C-alpha cells in the first residue's frame, strides 16, 4: 500500500482535494496494480507563501506547486513508475491542475520498514 502525502495551496485543497485524492488513488490502481481498498493519503493544505519553488525549475513554466510524495515498497521498474507519473498527471488535468504545476516524488523502501496496525 503506497503512503501518499499531498501538499497543495489552501484554495486547491478546499476546491478539489477529494477529487485529487480519487485521481491519485485511481492512478495507483491502474498503473501500479494496487488494490482498490489500499488507500492511505494525507493532505496538507498550505497558505500563501508556504510553498516555495523556482517557477522555471527543469525548464518548466510552473505557476503553482502541488507536491505528491509517494512511499512504496521497492518493487516497481522504471517504466511502471513513469506510467504512474503520467497517469496521475493525466487524471489531474481535468481537475484544472496543470502538469507543469505537479511534482511527484516516489521513494522506495523495504517491506520490513512498514508497520500498518499489526506485525
PDB file of N, CA and C in Angstrom:
ATOM      1  N   UNK A   1       0.834  -1.168   0.000  1.00  0.00           N
ATOM      2  CA  UNK A   1       0.000   0.000   0.000  1.00  0.00           C
ATOM      3  C   UNK A   1       0.882   1.235   0.000  1.00  0.00           C
ATOM      4  N   UNK A   2       0.830   2.041  -1.033  1.00  0.00           N
ATOM      5  CA  UNK A   2       1.589   3.289  -1.017  1.00  0.00           C
ATOM      6  C   UNK A   2       1.046   4.246   0.039  1.00  0.00           C
ATOM      7  N   UNK A   3       1.958   4.995   0.627  1.00  0.00           N
ATOM      8  CA  UNK A   3       1.595   6.077   1.519  1.00  0.00           C
ATOM      9  C   UNK A   3       1.739   7.362   0.712  1.00  0.00           C
ATOM     10  N   UNK A   4       0.655   8.103   0.576  1.00  0.00           N
ATOM     11  CA  UNK A   4       0.621   9.294  -0.270  1.00  0.00           C
ATOM     12  C   UNK A   4       0.496  10.534   0.614  1.00  0.00           C
ATOM     13  N   UNK A   5       1.403  11.492   0.424  1.00  0.00           N
ATOM     14  CA  UNK A   5       1.311  12.808   1.062  1.00  0.00           C
ATOM     15  C   UNK A   5       1.119  13.829  -0.053  1.00  0.00           C
ATOM     16  N   UNK A   6       0.133  14.678   0.094  1.00  0.00           N
ATOM     17  CA  UNK A   6      -0.146  15.700  -0.916  1.00  0.00           C
ATOM     18  C   UNK A   6      -0.072  17.076  -0.255  1.00  0.00           C
ATOM     19  N   UNK A   7       0.794  17.916  -0.788  1.00  0.00           N
ATOM     20  CA  UNK A   7       0.944  19.295  -0.322  1.00  0.00           C
ATOM     21  C   UNK A   7       0.450  20.208  -1.432  1.00  0.00           C
ATOM     22  N   UNK A   8      -0.496  21.084  -1.097  1.00  0.00           N
ATOM     23  CA  UNK A   8      -1.052  21.984  -2.092  1.00  0.00           C
ATOM     24  C   UNK A   8      -1.575  23.233  -1.399  1.00  0.00           C
ATOM     25  N   UNK A   9      -1.870  24.270  -2.197  1.00  0.00           N
ATOM     26  CA  UNK A   9      -2.362  25.510  -1.611  1.00  0.00           C
ATOM     27  C   UNK A   9      -3.783  25.323  -1.076  1.00  0.00           C
ATOM     28  N   UNK A  10      -4.147  26.162  -0.125  1.00  0.00           N
ATOM     29  CA  UNK A  10      -5.449  26.035   0.556  1.00  0.00           C
ATOM     30  C   UNK A  10      -6.636  26.119  -0.407  1.00  0.00           C
ATOM     31  N   UNK A  11      -6.543  26.984  -1.416  1.00  0.00           N
ATOM     32  CA  UNK A  11      -7.652  27.125  -2.354  1.00  0.00           C
ATOM     33  C   UNK A  11      -7.887  25.838  -3.132  1.00  0.00           C
ATOM     34  N   UNK A  12      -6.807  25.239  -3.627  1.00  0.00           N
ATOM     35  CA  UNK A  12      -6.930  23.979  -4.363  1.00  0.00           C
ATOM     36  C   UNK A  12      -7.447  22.886  -3.438  1.00  0.00           C
ATOM     37  N   UNK A  13      -6.949  22.861  -2.210  1.00  0.00           N
ATOM     38  CA  UNK A  13      -7.411  21.878  -1.235  1.00  0.00           C
ATOM     39  C   UNK A  13      -8.920  22.015  -1.018  1.00  0.00           C
ATOM     40  N   UNK A  14      -9.369  23.233  -0.751  1.00  0.00           N
ATOM     41  CA  UNK A  14     -10.790  23.463  -0.466  1.00  0.00           C
ATOM     42  C   UNK A  14     -11.659  23.120  -1.667  1.00  0.00           C
ATOM     43  N   UNK A  15     -11.175  23.419  -2.849  1.00  0.00           N
ATOM     44  CA  UNK A  15     -11.955  23.225  -4.074  1.00  0.00           C
ATOM     45  C   UNK A  15     -12.011  21.769  -4.510  1.00  0.00           C
ATOM     46  N   UNK A  16     -10.908  21.023  -4.345  1.00  0.00           N
ATOM     47  CA  UNK A  16     -10.909  19.717  -5.009  1.00  0.00           C
ATOM     48  C   UNK A  16     -10.047  18.634  -4.375  1.00  0.00           C
ATOM     49  N   UNK A  17      -9.798  18.686  -3.064  1.00  0.00           N
ATOM     50  CA  UNK A  17      -8.927  17.644  -2.501  1.00  0.00           C
ATOM     51  C   UNK A  17      -9.547  16.251  -2.610  1.00  0.00           C
ATOM     52  N   UNK A  18     -10.854  16.131  -2.513  1.00  0.00           N
ATOM     53  CA  UNK A  18     -11.486  14.802  -2.662  1.00  0.00           C
ATOM     54  C   UNK A  18     -11.247  14.258  -4.070  1.00  0.00           C
ATOM     55  N   UNK A  19     -11.444  15.109  -5.077  1.00  0.00           N
ATOM     56  CA  UNK A  19     -11.225  14.681  -6.468  1.00  0.00           C
ATOM     57  C   UNK A  19      -9.757  14.376  -6.731  1.00  0.00           C
ATOM     58  N   UNK A  20      -8.867  15.155  -6.146  1.00  0.00           N
ATOM     59  CA  UNK A  20      -7.431  14.905  -6.296  1.00  0.00           C
ATOM     60  C   UNK A  20      -7.076  13.561  -5.668  1.00  0.00           C
ATOM     61  N   UNK A  21      -7.580  13.307  -4.475  1.00  0.00           N
ATOM     62  CA  UNK A  21      -7.337  12.023  -3.815  1.00  0.00           C
ATOM     63  C   UNK A  21      -7.841  10.860  -4.648  1.00  0.00           C
ATOM     64  N   UNK A  22      -9.033  11.014  -5.222  1.00  0.00           N
ATOM     65  CA  UNK A  22      -9.579   9.960  -6.073  1.00  0.00           C
ATOM     66  C   UNK A  22      -8.730   9.753  -7.324  1.00  0.00           C
ATOM     67  N   UNK A  23      -8.259  10.850  -7.911  1.00  0.00           N
ATOM     68  CA  UNK A  23      -7.429  10.754  -9.120  1.00  0.00           C
ATOM     69  C   UNK A  23      -6.122  10.017  -8.825  1.00  0.00           C
ATOM     70  N   UNK A  24      -5.476  10.359  -7.719  1.00  0.00           N
ATOM     71  CA  UNK A  24      -4.223   9.697  -7.360  1.00  0.00           C
ATOM     72  C   UNK A  24      -4.479   8.225  -7.057  1.00  0.00           C
ATOM     73  N   UNK A  25      -5.542   7.954  -6.328  1.00  0.00           N
ATOM     74  CA  UNK A  25      -5.866   6.560  -5.998  1.00  0.00           C
ATOM     75  C   UNK A  25      -6.166   5.751  -7.266  1.00  0.00           C
ATOM     76  N   UNK A  26      -6.951   6.328  -8.166  1.00  0.00           N
ATOM     77  CA  UNK A  26      -7.242   5.646  -9.439  1.00  0.00           C
ATOM     78  C   UNK A  26      -5.956   5.369 -10.210  1.00  0.00           C
ATOM     79  N   UNK A  27      -5.046   6.342 -10.218  1.00  0.00           N
ATOM     80  CA  UNK A  27      -3.782   6.168 -10.937  1.00  0.00           C
ATOM     81  C   UNK A  27      -2.955   5.040 -10.336  1.00  0.00           C
ATOM     82  N   UNK A  28      -2.935   4.916  -9.022  1.00  0.00           N
ATOM     83  CA  UNK A  28      -2.129   3.838  -8.427  1.00  0.00           C
ATOM     84  C   UNK A  28      -2.764   2.483  -8.673  1.00  0.00           C
ATOM     85  N   UNK A  29      -4.088   2.401  -8.752  1.00  0.00           N
ATOM     86  CA  UNK A  29      -4.703   1.104  -9.050  1.00  0.00           C
ATOM     87  C   UNK A  29      -4.444   0.719 -10.502  1.00  0.00           C
ATOM     88  N   UNK A  30      -4.502   1.694 -11.393  1.00  0.00           N
ATOM     89  CA  UNK A  30      -4.282   1.424 -12.820  1.00  0.00           C
ATOM     90  C   UNK A  30      -2.815   1.138 -13.120  1.00  0.00           C
ATOM     91  N   UNK A  31      -1.927   2.054 -12.723  1.00  0.00           N
ATOM     92  CA  UNK A  31      -0.526   1.979 -13.141  1.00  0.00           C
ATOM     93  C   UNK A  31       0.337   1.082 -12.257  1.00  0.00           C
ATOM     94  N   UNK A  32       0.009   0.999 -10.970  1.00  0.00           N
ATOM     95  CA  UNK A  32       0.834   0.201 -10.055  1.00  0.00           C
ATOM     96  C   UNK A  32       0.180  -1.130  -9.682  1.00  0.00           C
ATOM     97  N   UNK A  33      -1.076  -1.316 -10.062  1.00  0.00           N
ATOM     98  CA  UNK A  33      -1.758  -2.561  -9.735  1.00  0.00           C
ATOM     99  C   UNK A  33      -2.138  -2.682  -8.267  1.00  0.00           C
ATOM    100  N   UNK A  34      -2.262  -1.545  -7.585  1.00  0.00           N
ATOM    101  CA  UNK A  34      -2.627  -1.536  -6.169  1.00  0.00           C
ATOM    102  C   UNK A  34      -4.107  -1.890  -6.037  1.00  0.00           C
ATOM    103  N   UNK A  35      -4.441  -2.642  -5.020  1.00  0.00           N
ATOM    104  CA  UNK A  35      -5.830  -2.992  -4.748  1.00  0.00           C
ATOM    105  C   UNK A  35      -6.654  -1.732  -4.500  1.00  0.00           C
ATOM    106  N   UNK A  36      -7.887  -1.735  -4.941  1.00  0.00           N
ATOM    107  CA  UNK A  36      -8.771  -0.584  -4.760  1.00  0.00           C
ATOM    108  C   UNK A  36      -9.042  -0.271  -3.292  1.00  0.00           C
ATOM    109  N   UNK A  37      -8.852  -1.239  -2.408  1.00  0.00           N
ATOM    110  CA  UNK A  37      -9.094  -0.993  -0.980  1.00  0.00           C
ATOM    111  C   UNK A  37      -7.847  -0.499  -0.255  1.00  0.00           C
ATOM    112  N   UNK A  38      -6.714  -0.456  -0.926  1.00  0.00           N
ATOM    113  CA  UNK A  38      -5.466   0.029  -0.318  1.00  0.00           C
ATOM    114  C   UNK A  38      -5.343   1.527  -0.559  1.00  0.00           C
ATOM    115  N   UNK A  39      -5.831   2.301   0.396  1.00  0.00           N
ATOM    116  CA  UNK A  39      -5.792   3.756   0.244  1.00  0.00           C
ATOM    117  C   UNK A  39      -5.309   4.374   1.550  1.00  0.00           C
ATOM    118  N   UNK A  40      -4.219   5.107   1.468  1.00  0.00           N
ATOM    119  CA  UNK A  40      -3.672   5.811   2.611  1.00  0.00           C
ATOM    120  C   UNK A  40      -3.108   7.138   2.117  1.00  0.00           C
ATOM    121  N   UNK A  41      -3.858   8.210   2.340  1.00  0.00           N
ATOM    122  CA  UNK A  41      -3.494   9.526   1.835  1.00  0.00           C
ATOM    123  C   UNK A  41      -3.547  10.556   2.957  1.00  0.00           C
ATOM    124  N   UNK A  42      -2.558  11.433   2.980  1.00  0.00           N
ATOM    125  CA  UNK A  42      -2.501  12.535   3.938  1.00  0.00           C
ATOM    126  C   UNK A  42      -2.396  13.832   3.148  1.00  0.00           C
ATOM    127  N   UNK A  43      -3.343  14.736   3.351  1.00  0.00           N
ATOM    128  CA  UNK A  43      -3.334  16.021   2.658  1.00  0.00           C
ATOM    129  C   UNK A  43      -2.867  17.113   3.603  1.00  0.00           C
ATOM    130  N   UNK A  44      -2.048  18.020   3.080  1.00  0.00           N
ATOM    131  CA  UNK A  44      -1.577  19.162   3.842  1.00  0.00           C
ATOM    132  C   UNK A  44      -1.810  20.424   3.025  1.00  0.00           C
ATOM    133  N   UNK A  45      -2.849  21.188   3.369  1.00  0.00           N
ATOM    134  CA  UNK A  45      -3.045  22.468   2.678  1.00  0.00           C
ATOM    135  C   UNK A  45      -2.072  23.517   3.226  1.00  0.00           C
ATOM    136  N   UNK A  46      -1.620  24.399   2.350  1.00  0.00           N
ATOM    137  CA  UNK A  46      -0.645  25.418   2.726  1.00  0.00           C
ATOM    138  C   UNK A  46      -1.179  26.804   2.378  1.00  0.00           C
ATOM    139  N   UNK A  47      -0.827  27.775   3.213  1.00  0.00           N
ATOM    140  CA  UNK A  47      -1.225  29.154   2.985  1.00  0.00           C
ATOM    141  C   UNK A  47      -0.326  29.845   1.973  1.00  0.00           C
ATOM    142  N   UNK A  48      -0.702  31.050   1.641  1.00  0.00           N
ATOM    143  CA  UNK A  48       0.067  31.861   0.692  1.00  0.00           C
ATOM    144  C   UNK A  48       1.511  31.990   1.166  1.00  0.00           C
ATOM    145  N   UNK A  49       2.427  31.655   0.281  1.00  0.00           N
ATOM    146  CA  UNK A  49       3.849  31.775   0.586  1.00  0.00           C
ATOM    147  C   UNK A  49       4.469  30.586   1.285  1.00  0.00           C
ATOM    148  N   UNK A  50       3.658  29.610   1.681  1.00  0.00           N
ATOM    149  CA  UNK A  50       4.200  28.428   2.368  1.00  0.00           C
ATOM    150  C   UNK A  50       4.949  27.492   1.423  1.00  0.00           C
ATOM    151  N   UNK A  51       4.505  27.419   0.189  1.00  0.00           N
ATOM    152  CA  UNK A  51       5.145  26.538  -0.797  1.00  0.00           C
ATOM    153  C   UNK A  51       6.093  27.388  -1.638  1.00  0.00           C
ATOM    154  N   UNK A  52       7.370  27.209  -1.422  1.00  0.00           N
ATOM    155  CA  UNK A  52       8.391  27.967  -2.140  1.00  0.00           C
ATOM    156  C   UNK A  52       8.920  27.109  -3.292  1.00  0.00           C
ATOM    157  N   UNK A  53       9.043  27.713  -4.477  1.00  0.00           N
ATOM    158  CA  UNK A  53       9.525  26.962  -5.636  1.00  0.00           C
ATOM    159  C   UNK A  53      10.077  27.906  -6.683  1.00  0.00           C
ATOM    160  N   UNK A  54      10.957  27.369  -7.493  1.00  0.00           N
ATOM    161  CA  UNK A  54      11.502  28.093  -8.632  1.00  0.00           C
ATOM    162  C   UNK A  54      10.531  27.877  -9.793  1.00  0.00           C
ATOM    163  N   UNK A  55       9.888  28.925 -10.280  1.00  0.00           N
ATOM    164  CA  UNK A  55       8.890  28.745 -11.340  1.00  0.00           C
ATOM    165  C   UNK A  55       9.470  28.251 -12.667  1.00  0.00           C
ATOM    166  N   UNK A  56      10.794  28.275 -12.820  1.00  0.00           N
ATOM    167  CA  UNK A  56      11.407  27.812 -14.060  1.00  0.00           C
ATOM    168  C   UNK A  56      12.239  26.556 -13.905  1.00  0.00           C
ATOM    169  N   UNK A  57      12.192  25.929 -12.707  1.00  0.00           N
ATOM    170  CA  UNK A  57      12.999  24.736 -12.462  1.00  0.00           C
ATOM    171  C   UNK A  57      12.732  23.661 -13.518  1.00  0.00           C
ATOM    172  N   UNK A  58      13.790  23.067 -14.034  1.00  0.00           N
ATOM    173  CA  UNK A  58      13.724  21.997 -15.032  1.00  0.00           C
ATOM    174  C   UNK A  58      13.099  22.481 -16.342  1.00  0.00           C
ATOM    175  N   UNK A  59      13.264  23.773 -16.612  1.00  0.00           N
ATOM    176  CA  UNK A  59      12.729  24.392 -17.828  1.00  0.00           C
ATOM    177  C   UNK A  59      11.212  24.207 -17.952  1.00  0.00           C
ATOM    178  N   UNK A  60      10.511  24.347 -16.818  1.00  0.00           N
ATOM    179  CA  UNK A  60       9.063  24.218 -16.787  1.00  0.00           C
ATOM    180  C   UNK A  60       8.468  25.563 -16.379  1.00  0.00           C
ATOM    181  N   UNK A  61       7.355  25.938 -16.976  1.00  0.00           N
ATOM    182  CA  UNK A  61       6.636  27.158 -16.627  1.00  0.00           C
ATOM    183  C   UNK A  61       5.671  26.847 -15.489  1.00  0.00           C
ATOM    184  N   UNK A  62       6.188  26.880 -14.271  1.00  0.00           N
ATOM    185  CA  UNK A  62       5.408  26.499 -13.086  1.00  0.00           C
ATOM    186  C   UNK A  62       4.736  27.737 -12.502  1.00  0.00           C
ATOM    187  N   UNK A  63       3.404  27.661 -12.315  1.00  0.00           N
ATOM    188  CA  UNK A  63       2.659  28.769 -11.733  1.00  0.00           C
ATOM    189  C   UNK A  63       2.284  28.501 -10.279  1.00  0.00           C
ATOM    190  N   UNK A  64       2.012  27.276  -9.964  1.00  0.00           N
ATOM    191  CA  UNK A  64       1.676  26.835  -8.610  1.00  0.00           C
ATOM    192  C   UNK A  64       2.504  25.587  -8.329  1.00  0.00           C
ATOM    193  N   UNK A  65       2.414  25.084  -7.128  1.00  0.00           N
ATOM    194  CA  UNK A  65       3.125  23.850  -6.820  1.00  0.00           C
ATOM    195  C   UNK A  65       2.203  22.912  -6.057  1.00  0.00           C
ATOM    196  N   UNK A  66       2.019  21.735  -6.597  1.00  0.00           N
ATOM    197  CA  UNK A  66       1.328  20.649  -5.911  1.00  0.00           C
ATOM    198  C   UNK A  66       2.322  19.503  -5.811  1.00  0.00           C
ATOM    199  N   UNK A  67       2.669  19.123  -4.580  1.00  0.00           N
ATOM    200  CA  UNK A  67       3.662  18.082  -4.345  1.00  0.00           C
ATOM    201  C   UNK A  67       2.948  16.801  -3.926  1.00  0.00           C
ATOM    202  N   UNK A  68       3.288  15.722  -4.612  1.00  0.00           N
ATOM    203  CA  UNK A  68       2.744  14.405  -4.278  1.00  0.00           C
ATOM    204  C   UNK A  68       3.925  13.523  -3.910  1.00  0.00           C
ATOM    205  N   UNK A  69       4.009  13.169  -2.633  1.00  0.00           N
ATOM    206  CA  UNK A  69       5.084  12.290  -2.142  1.00  0.00           C
ATOM    207  C   UNK A  69       4.506  10.900  -1.961  1.00  0.00           C
ATOM    208  N   UNK A  70       5.152   9.939  -2.589  1.00  0.00           N
ATOM    209  CA  UNK A  70       4.672   8.559  -2.573  1.00  0.00           C
ATOM    210  C   UNK A  70       5.760   7.677  -1.973  1.00  0.00           C
ATOM    211  N   UNK A  71       5.411   6.929  -0.942  1.00  0.00           N
ATOM    212  CA  UNK A  71       6.340   5.967  -0.360  1.00  0.00           C
ATOM    213  C   UNK A  71       5.786   4.582  -0.621  1.00  0.00           C
ATOM    214  N   UNK A  72       6.605   3.720  -1.233  1.00  0.00           N
ATOM    215  CA  UNK A  72       6.176   2.362  -1.591  1.00  0.00           C
ATOM    216  C   UNK A  72       7.275   1.364  -1.270  1.00  0.00           C
ATOM    217  N   UNK A  73       6.871   0.119  -1.145  1.00  0.00           N
ATOM    218  CA  UNK A  73       7.842  -0.966  -1.044  1.00  0.00           C
ATOM    219  C   UNK A  73       8.513  -1.101  -2.411  1.00  0.00           C
ATOM    220  N   UNK A  74       9.817  -1.245  -2.434  1.00  0.00           N
ATOM    221  CA  UNK A  74      10.573  -1.345  -3.688  1.00  0.00           C
ATOM    222  C   UNK A  74      10.159  -2.585  -4.464  1.00  0.00           C
ATOM    223  N   UNK A  75       9.491  -2.362  -5.592  1.00  0.00           N
ATOM    224  CA  UNK A  75       9.103  -3.475  -6.450  1.00  0.00           C
ATOM    225  C   UNK A  75       8.719  -3.030  -7.860  1.00  0.00           C
ATOM    226  N   UNK A  76       8.869  -1.749  -8.148  1.00  0.00           N
ATOM    227  CA  UNK A  76       8.427  -1.234  -9.437  1.00  0.00           C
ATOM    228  C   UNK A  76       9.613  -0.869 -10.319  1.00  0.00           C
ATOM    229  N   UNK A  77       9.553  -1.275 -11.578  1.00  0.00           N
ATOM    230  CA  UNK A  77      10.616  -0.922 -12.514  1.00  0.00           C
ATOM    231  C   UNK A  77      10.381   0.504 -13.036  1.00  0.00           C
ATOM    232  N   UNK A  78      11.402   1.109 -13.650  1.00  0.00           N
ATOM    233  CA  UNK A  78      11.270   2.484 -14.130  1.00  0.00           C
ATOM    234  C   UNK A  78      10.082   2.720 -15.072  1.00  0.00           C
ATOM    235  N   UNK A  79       9.793   1.831 -16.043  1.00  0.00           N
ATOM    236  CA  UNK A  79       8.628   2.094 -16.893  1.00  0.00           C
ATOM    237  C   UNK A  79       7.302   2.126 -16.117  1.00  0.00           C
ATOM    238  N   UNK A  80       7.185   1.309 -15.085  1.00  0.00           N
ATOM    239  CA  UNK A  80       5.967   1.308 -14.274  1.00  0.00           C
ATOM    240  C   UNK A  80       5.847   2.616 -13.508  1.00  0.00           C
ATOM    241  N   UNK A  81       6.952   3.096 -12.965  1.00  0.00           N
ATOM    242  CA  UNK A  81       6.929   4.373 -12.249  1.00  0.00           C
ATOM    243  C   UNK A  81       6.554   5.510 -13.196  1.00  0.00           C
ATOM    244  N   UNK A  82       7.156   5.509 -14.378  1.00  0.00           N
ATOM    245  CA  UNK A  82       6.835   6.549 -15.361  1.00  0.00           C
ATOM    246  C   UNK A  82       5.360   6.492 -15.764  1.00  0.00           C
ATOM    247  N   UNK A  83       4.816   5.289 -15.912  1.00  0.00           N
ATOM    248  CA  UNK A  83       3.394   5.140 -16.240  1.00  0.00           C
ATOM    249  C   UNK A  83       2.530   5.695 -15.107  1.00  0.00           C
ATOM    250  N   UNK A  84       2.946   5.463 -13.871  1.00  0.00           N
ATOM    251  CA  UNK A  84       2.222   6.004 -12.727  1.00  0.00           C
ATOM    252  C   UNK A  84       2.231   7.535 -12.757  1.00  0.00           C
ATOM    253  N   UNK A  85       3.401   8.130 -12.963  1.00  0.00           N
ATOM    254  CA  UNK A  85       3.501   9.588 -13.011  1.00  0.00           C
ATOM    255  C   UNK A  85       2.576  10.152 -14.090  1.00  0.00           C
ATOM    256  N   UNK A  86       2.639   9.564 -15.274  1.00  0.00           N
ATOM    257  CA  UNK A  86       1.810  10.036 -16.389  1.00  0.00           C
ATOM    258  C   UNK A  86       0.326   9.877 -16.080  1.00  0.00           C
ATOM    259  N   UNK A  87      -0.043   8.768 -15.489  1.00  0.00           N
ATOM    260  CA  UNK A  87      -1.450   8.529 -15.175  1.00  0.00           C
ATOM    261  C   UNK A  87      -1.952   9.518 -14.131  1.00  0.00           C
ATOM    262  N   UNK A  88      -1.143   9.800 -13.118  1.00  0.00           N
ATOM    263  CA  UNK A  88      -1.536  10.799 -12.114  1.00  0.00           C
ATOM    264  C   UNK A  88      -1.795  12.137 -12.785  1.00  0.00           C
ATOM    265  N   UNK A  89      -0.827  12.600 -13.564  1.00  0.00           N
ATOM    266  CA  UNK A  89      -0.955  13.904 -14.213  1.00  0.00           C
ATOM    267  C   UNK A  89      -2.167  13.925 -15.151  1.00  0.00           C
ATOM    268  N   UNK A  90      -2.342  12.876 -15.934  1.00  0.00           N
ATOM    269  CA  UNK A  90      -3.485  12.815 -16.854  1.00  0.00           C
ATOM    270  C   UNK A  90      -4.813  12.910 -16.113  1.00  0.00           C
ATOM    271  N   UNK A  91      -4.878  12.344 -14.909  1.00  0.00           N
ATOM    272  CA  UNK A  91      -6.114  12.375 -14.126  1.00  0.00           C
ATOM    273  C   UNK A  91      -6.308  13.703 -13.384  1.00  0.00           C
ATOM    274  N   UNK A  92      -5.238  14.469 -13.205  1.00  0.00           N
ATOM    275  CA  UNK A  92      -5.337  15.766 -12.546  1.00  0.00           C
ATOM    276  C   UNK A  92      -5.707  16.885 -13.514  1.00  0.00           C
ATOM    277  N   UNK A  93      -5.342  16.753 -14.776  1.00  0.00           N
ATOM    278  CA  UNK A  93      -5.619  17.792 -15.763  1.00  0.00           C
ATOM    279  C   UNK A  93      -7.107  18.160 -15.818  1.00  0.00           C
ATOM    280  N   UNK A  94      -8.035  17.192 -15.857  1.00  0.00           N
ATOM    281  CA  UNK A  94      -9.452  17.569 -15.886  1.00  0.00           C
ATOM    282  C   UNK A  94      -9.919  18.328 -14.633  1.00  0.00           C
ATOM    283  N   UNK A  95      -9.127  18.283 -13.572  1.00  0.00           N
ATOM    284  CA  UNK A  95      -9.465  18.994 -12.343  1.00  0.00           C
ATOM    285  C   UNK A  95      -8.900  20.415 -12.343  1.00  0.00           C
ATOM    286  N   UNK A  96      -8.273  20.800 -13.459  1.00  0.00           N
ATOM    287  CA  UNK A  96      -7.712  22.140 -13.578  1.00  0.00           C
ATOM    288  C   UNK A  96      -6.293  22.270 -13.060  1.00  0.00           C
ATOM    289  N   UNK A  97      -5.626  21.145 -12.851  1.00  0.00           N
ATOM    290  CA  UNK A  97      -4.239  21.169 -12.370  1.00  0.00           C
ATOM    291  C   UNK A  97      -3.313  20.923 -13.556  1.00  0.00           C
ATOM    292  N   UNK A  98      -2.490  21.903 -13.847  1.00  0.00           N
ATOM    293  CA  UNK A  98      -1.569  21.809 -14.977  1.00  0.00           C
ATOM    294  C   UNK A  98      -0.452  20.817 -14.679  1.00  0.00           C
ATOM    295  N   UNK A  99      -0.038  20.022 -15.661  1.00  0.00           N
ATOM    296  CA  UNK A  99       1.076  19.094 -15.457  1.00  0.00           C
ATOM    297  C   UNK A  99       2.344  19.808 -14.976  1.00  0.00           C
ATOM    298  N   UNK A 100       2.550  21.028 -15.436  1.00  0.00           N
ATOM    299  CA  UNK A 100       3.741  21.791 -15.057  1.00  0.00           C
ATOM    300  C   UNK A 100       3.744  22.168 -13.576  1.00  0.00           C
ATOM    301  N   UNK A 101       2.592  22.110 -12.942  1.00  0.00           N
ATOM    302  CA  UNK A 101       2.473  22.507 -11.542  1.00  0.00           C
ATOM    303  C   UNK A 101       2.519  21.327 -10.574  1.00  0.00           C
ATOM    304  N   UNK A 102       2.794  20.140 -11.103  1.00  0.00           N
ATOM    305  CA  UNK A 102       2.822  18.925 -10.285  1.00  0.00           C
ATOM    306  C   UNK A 102       4.270  18.448 -10.124  1.00  0.00           C
ATOM    307  N   UNK A 103       4.622  18.120  -8.890  1.00  0.00           N
ATOM    308  CA  UNK A 103       5.912  17.496  -8.598  1.00  0.00           C
ATOM    309  C   UNK A 103       5.615  16.202  -7.851  1.00  0.00           C
ATOM    310  N   UNK A 104       6.031  15.072  -8.408  1.00  0.00           N
ATOM    311  CA  UNK A 104       5.810  13.776  -7.773  1.00  0.00           C
ATOM    312  C   UNK A 104       7.165  13.204  -7.382  1.00  0.00           C
ATOM    313  N   UNK A 105       7.271  12.779  -6.138  1.00  0.00           N
ATOM    314  CA  UNK A 105       8.484  12.139  -5.639  1.00  0.00           C
ATOM    315  C   UNK A 105       8.099  10.760  -5.125  1.00  0.00           C
ATOM    316  N   UNK A 106       8.612   9.723  -5.754  1.00  0.00           N
ATOM    317  CA  UNK A 106       8.348   8.353  -5.338  1.00  0.00           C
ATOM    318  C   UNK A 106       9.587   7.816  -4.638  1.00  0.00           C
ATOM    319  N   UNK A 107       9.425   7.425  -3.378  1.00  0.00           N
ATOM    320  CA  UNK A 107      10.510   6.893  -2.567  1.00  0.00           C
ATOM    321  C   UNK A 107      10.211   5.446  -2.231  1.00  0.00           C
ATOM    322  N   UNK A 108      11.222   4.603  -2.375  1.00  0.00           N
ATOM    323  CA  UNK A 108      11.037   3.176  -2.110  1.00  0.00           C
ATOM    324  C   UNK A 108      11.763   2.764  -0.829  1.00  0.00           C
ATOM    325  N   UNK A 109      11.207   1.757  -0.189  1.00  0.00           N
ATOM    326  CA  UNK A 109      11.873   1.139   0.947  1.00  0.00           C
ATOM    327  C   UNK A 109      11.497  -0.344   0.965  1.00  0.00           C
ATOM    328  N   UNK A 110      11.862  -1.047   2.030  1.00  0.00           N
ATOM    329  CA  UNK A 110      11.612  -2.488   2.118  1.00  0.00           C
ATOM    330  C   UNK A 110      10.349  -2.761   2.935  1.00  0.00           C
ATOM    331  N   UNK A 111       9.770  -3.922   2.751  1.00  0.00           N
ATOM    332  CA  UNK A 111       8.567  -4.308   3.495  1.00  0.00           C
ATOM    333  C   UNK A 111       8.809  -4.239   4.994  1.00  0.00           C
ATOM    334  N   UNK A 112      10.028  -4.538   5.425  1.00  0.00           N
ATOM    335  CA  UNK A 112      10.315  -4.513   6.855  1.00  0.00           C
ATOM    336  C   UNK A 112      10.329  -3.113   7.443  1.00  0.00           C
ATOM    337  N   UNK A 113      10.247  -2.093   6.600  1.00  0.00           N
ATOM    338  CA  UNK A 113      10.223  -0.699   7.058  1.00  0.00           C
ATOM    339  C   UNK A 113       8.813  -0.212   7.391  1.00  0.00           C
ATOM    340  N   UNK A 114       7.823  -1.082   7.268  1.00  0.00           N
ATOM    341  CA  UNK A 114       6.430  -0.695   7.462  1.00  0.00           C
ATOM    342  C   UNK A 114       5.816  -1.383   8.679  1.00  0.00           C
ATOM    343  N   UNK A 115       4.977  -0.647   9.358  1.00  0.00           N
ATOM    344  CA  UNK A 115       4.075  -1.207  10.354  1.00  0.00           C
ATOM    345  C   UNK A 115       2.707  -0.629  10.039  1.00  0.00           C
ATOM    346  N   UNK A 116       1.711  -1.458   9.840  1.00  0.00           N
ATOM    347  CA  UNK A 116       0.385  -0.995   9.431  1.00  0.00           C
ATOM    348  C   UNK A 116      -0.707  -1.545  10.335  1.00  0.00           C
ATOM    349  N   UNK A 117      -0.502  -1.421  11.615  1.00  0.00           N
ATOM    350  CA  UNK A 117      -1.531  -1.837  12.551  1.00  0.00           C
ATOM    351  C   UNK A 117      -1.316  -3.172  13.201  1.00  0.00           C
ATOM    352  N   UNK A 118      -0.521  -4.000  12.567  1.00  0.00           N
ATOM    353  CA  UNK A 118      -0.137  -5.271  13.163  1.00  0.00           C
ATOM    354  C   UNK A 118       1.109  -5.801  12.464  1.00  0.00           C
ATOM    355  N   UNK A 119       1.836  -6.620  13.168  1.00  0.00           N
ATOM    356  CA  UNK A 119       3.091  -7.143  12.618  1.00  0.00           C
ATOM    357  C   UNK A 119       2.829  -8.270  11.639  1.00  0.00           C
TER     358      UNK A 119
END
